[in-house]
Amino acid sequence: MSEHDDEDEDTVDTEATVLCPYCGELNDIALDPGGGRHQEYVEDCQVCCRPWRVRVTYLPDGGAEVSVEAEQLD
């Protein structure tokens, strides 16, 4: 064990697993903590290629709350 193992408590989430609102498949997505505390962007499903709106909120402890919903196309 490393003496730095306790530092894991201070880490910031840089990835998340989300469920595609279209095909229901799990997708691993990268998160960018440098993008700000609240983020919203469009990302395509890695399985069915349909777009979803991703919302990320970073909590004070560095954890991320991530949600996805179907992107409304015009």
Protein backbone atom coordinates (compact mmCIF):
# COMPACT_ATOMS: atom_id res chain seq x y z
CA MET A 1 0.00 0.00 0.00
CA SER A 2 1.15 3.47 -0.79
CA GLU A 3 1.26 6.26 1.77
CA HIS A 4 -0.77 8.32 -0.75
CA ASP A 5 -3.84 6.02 -0.70
CA ASP A 6 -5.70 8.48 1.52
CA GLU A 7 -5.45 11.08 -1.25
CA ASP A 8 -8.07 9.14 -3.25
CA GLU A 9 -10.72 10.87 -1.11
CA ASP A 10 -9.76 14.21 -2.67
CA THR A 11 -10.00 13.11 -6.30
CA VAL A 12 -12.37 14.58 -8.85
CA ASP A 13 -14.56 12.38 -11.06
CA THR A 14 -13.26 12.25 -14.65
CA GLU A 15 -15.55 9.55 -16.03
CA ALA A 16 -19.07 8.24 -15.57
CA THR A 17 -21.25 5.39 -16.80
CA VAL A 18 -24.62 6.46 -18.19
CA LEU A 19 -27.62 4.70 -19.73
CA CYS A 20 -28.59 5.71 -23.27
CA PRO A 21 -32.19 7.02 -23.25
CA TYR A 22 -32.72 5.52 -26.73
CA CYS A 23 -31.20 2.03 -26.83
CA GLY A 24 -30.74 1.40 -23.10
CA GLU A 25 -27.06 0.47 -23.41
CA LEU A 26 -24.47 1.56 -20.85
CA ASN A 27 -21.86 4.05 -22.07
CA ASP A 28 -18.65 5.16 -20.35
CA ILE A 29 -18.13 8.87 -20.91
CA ALA A 30 -15.23 11.16 -20.04
CA LEU A 31 -15.88 14.14 -17.79
CA ASP A 32 -13.91 17.39 -17.83
CA PRO A 33 -13.63 18.91 -14.34
CA GLY A 34 -11.91 21.93 -15.93
CA GLY A 35 -15.15 22.78 -17.77
CA GLY A 36 -16.76 24.31 -14.69
CA ARG A 37 -19.00 23.22 -11.84
CA HIS A 38 -22.14 23.07 -14.03
CA GLN A 39 -21.86 21.73 -17.57
CA GLU A 40 -24.31 20.89 -20.32
CA TYR A 41 -23.43 19.49 -23.74
CA VAL A 42 -24.51 17.01 -26.42
CA GLU A 43 -22.78 13.65 -26.82
CA ASP A 44 -23.64 10.72 -29.09
CA CYS A 45 -24.33 7.20 -27.84
CA GLN A 46 -21.37 4.90 -28.52
CA VAL A 47 -23.80 2.10 -29.51
CA CYS A 48 -26.73 3.62 -31.46
CA CYS A 49 -25.08 6.99 -32.34
CA ARG A 50 -28.15 9.04 -31.33
CA PRO A 51 -27.46 12.32 -29.48
CA TRP A 52 -28.24 12.96 -25.84
CA ARG A 53 -27.98 16.04 -23.65
CA VAL A 54 -25.49 15.47 -20.83
CA ARG A 55 -25.74 17.53 -17.63
CA VAL A 56 -22.88 17.44 -15.14
CA THR A 57 -22.74 19.08 -11.73
CA TYR A 58 -19.59 18.80 -9.63
CA LEU A 59 -20.17 18.55 -5.89
CA PRO A 60 -17.84 20.12 -3.29
CA ASP A 61 -16.21 16.72 -2.63
CA GLY A 62 -15.24 16.35 -6.33
CA GLY A 63 -17.94 13.81 -7.12
CA ALA A 64 -20.03 14.41 -10.22
CA GLU A 65 -23.79 14.11 -10.64
CA VAL A 66 -24.40 13.15 -14.27
CA SER A 67 -27.71 12.84 -16.10
CA VAL A 68 -28.57 12.26 -19.75
CA GLU A 69 -31.78 12.79 -21.69
CA ALA A 70 -32.84 12.45 -25.30
CA GLU A 71 -31.72 15.46 -27.34
CA GLN A 72 -34.60 17.19 -29.08
CA LEU A 73 -33.71 17.69 -32.71
CA ASP A 74 -35.38 20.50 -34.67
